[in-house]
Protein backbone atom coordinates (compact mmCIF):
# COMPACT_ATOMS: atom_id res chain seq x y z
CA MET A 1 5.00 7.15 -21.15
CA ARG A 2 5.11 3.22 -21.70
CA VAL A 3 8.99 3.99 -22.51
CA CYS A 4 9.41 5.52 -19.18
CA CYS A 5 7.49 2.37 -17.52
CA VAL A 6 9.52 -0.48 -19.24
CA ALA A 7 12.37 1.84 -18.62
CA LEU A 8 11.99 1.53 -14.95
CA ALA A 9 11.32 -1.61 -15.02
CA VAL A 10 14.64 -2.79 -16.98
CA VAL A 11 16.78 -0.48 -14.07
CA CYS A 12 14.70 -2.60 -11.23
CA VAL A 13 15.46 -6.35 -12.85
CA VAL A 14 18.89 -5.15 -13.66
CA ALA A 15 19.68 -3.65 -10.40
CA GLY A 16 18.33 -6.19 -8.14
CA ASP A 17 16.38 -3.78 -6.86
CA PRO A 18 13.98 -5.71 -4.11
CA LEU A 19 11.13 -2.71 -3.90
CA CYS A 20 10.35 -3.45 -7.83
CA ALA A 21 10.47 -7.10 -7.27
CA GLN A 22 8.19 -9.38 -7.05
CA SER A 23 8.69 -11.26 -3.73
CA ALA A 24 8.82 -14.88 -3.96
CA VAL A 25 6.00 -16.35 -0.67
CA PRO A 26 8.65 -17.15 1.96
CA ASP A 27 7.08 -20.01 3.78
CA PRO A 28 4.41 -21.47 1.43
CA GLY A 29 4.04 -23.84 4.27
CA ARG A 30 2.65 -20.89 6.14
CA SER A 31 0.30 -19.38 3.60
CA VAL A 32 -1.37 -22.85 3.08
CA ALA A 33 -1.78 -23.23 7.17
CA ALA A 34 -3.63 -19.82 7.04
CA THR A 35 -6.98 -20.82 5.70
CA CYS A 36 -6.96 -22.86 8.80
CA ALA A 37 -6.83 -19.84 11.06
CA ASN A 38 -10.44 -18.77 11.14
CA CYS A 39 -11.14 -22.12 13.07
CA HIS A 40 -7.78 -23.49 14.45
CA GLY A 41 -6.26 -20.30 15.23
CA THR A 42 -3.44 -18.00 13.40
CA THR A 43 -0.68 -20.01 14.54
CA GLY A 44 -2.84 -23.50 15.15
CA ALA A 45 -3.03 -22.45 18.90
CA SER A 46 -7.07 -22.48 18.69
CA ALA A 47 -9.18 -21.50 21.61
CA GLY A 48 -12.34 -23.22 22.38
CA VAL A 49 -13.54 -26.87 20.99
CA ILE A 50 -11.40 -27.17 17.52
CA PRO A 51 -8.72 -29.05 18.37
CA SER A 52 -5.12 -27.14 17.96
CA LEU A 53 -3.03 -28.13 15.86
CA ALA A 54 0.41 -26.07 17.01
CA GLY A 55 3.21 -28.77 17.98
CA ARG A 56 1.05 -31.85 17.17
CA PRO A 57 3.13 -34.58 14.92
CA ARG A 58 3.17 -33.57 11.10
CA GLN A 59 2.75 -37.43 10.53
CA GLU A 60 -0.51 -37.41 12.72
CA LEU A 61 -2.10 -33.91 11.05
CA VAL A 62 -1.31 -35.63 7.64
CA ALA A 63 -3.00 -38.65 8.57
CA THR A 64 -5.41 -37.20 10.02
CA THR A 65 -6.32 -34.20 7.46
CA HIS A 66 -6.24 -37.66 4.41
CA GLU A 67 -8.53 -38.86 6.46
CA PHE A 68 -10.84 -36.28 6.41
CA LYS A 69 -10.50 -36.44 2.25
CA SER A 70 -10.98 -39.78 2.08
CA GLY A 71 -14.36 -39.49 3.86
CA SER A 72 -13.54 -42.34 6.18
CA ARG A 73 -12.95 -39.67 9.24
CA ALA A 74 -16.70 -37.96 9.92
CA GLY A 75 -16.26 -34.54 10.41
CA THR A 76 -18.27 -30.85 10.31
CA ILE A 77 -16.70 -29.26 7.64
CA MET A 78 -12.72 -30.98 7.44
CA PRO A 79 -14.02 -33.62 4.41
CA GLN A 80 -15.40 -30.96 2.42
CA LEU A 81 -12.18 -28.22 3.20
CA ALA A 82 -9.94 -31.60 2.81
CA LYS A 83 -10.72 -32.92 -0.55
CA GLY A 84 -9.94 -29.25 -1.42
CA TYR A 85 -6.06 -29.78 -0.39
CA SER A 86 -3.62 -31.40 -3.10
CA ASP A 87 -1.63 -33.91 -1.36
CA GLU A 88 1.94 -31.35 -1.10
CA GLN A 89 -0.71 -28.97 0.58
CA ILE A 90 -1.81 -30.87 3.07
CA GLU A 91 2.41 -31.74 3.75
CA LEU A 92 3.18 -28.00 3.72
CA ALA A 93 1.00 -27.19 6.48
CA ALA A 94 1.43 -30.40 8.81
CA ALA A 95 5.12 -29.19 8.29
CA TRP A 96 4.72 -25.73 9.60
CA PHE A 97 1.57 -26.85 11.98
CA ALA A 98 4.09 -29.09 13.58
CA ALA A 99 7.33 -26.15 14.05
CA GLN A 100 4.88 -24.17 15.64
CA ALA A 101 4.54 -23.67 20.05
CA PRO A 102 1.63 -26.21 21.18
CA GLY A 103 -1.88 -24.58 22.20
CA LYS A 104 -2.72 -24.50 25.45
C-alpha cells in the first residue's frame, strides 16, 4: 500500500498534475486581509461604524496600522490586533485593501 502511494505521488509530481500538487497562496495580501473581515468586511467595505479600508491609500493604511501597533493611536481592539502583524503583513494587507473598490 505504501509503495502505491509513493508511486502515485511520484507520477503526480513528474506529470505536473495540478490536482496532486499543493497550491501556493495566490495572493498573500488577500490572505492577511481576510483576518480583518469580521470588522471591516470581506473586501474592506464595512457596514456601520467601523471604517472601510477598501480603496484607501496604501501608505495611509500602513501608517495607521503602525500607529495602532506602537500604541500612539488609541482604539478598542486594533492596538492588540496590530501587534500581531509583521511589517510585511501590514504592507501586504494595505496594498490589497488599497486595490479594492472603495466602500460606501
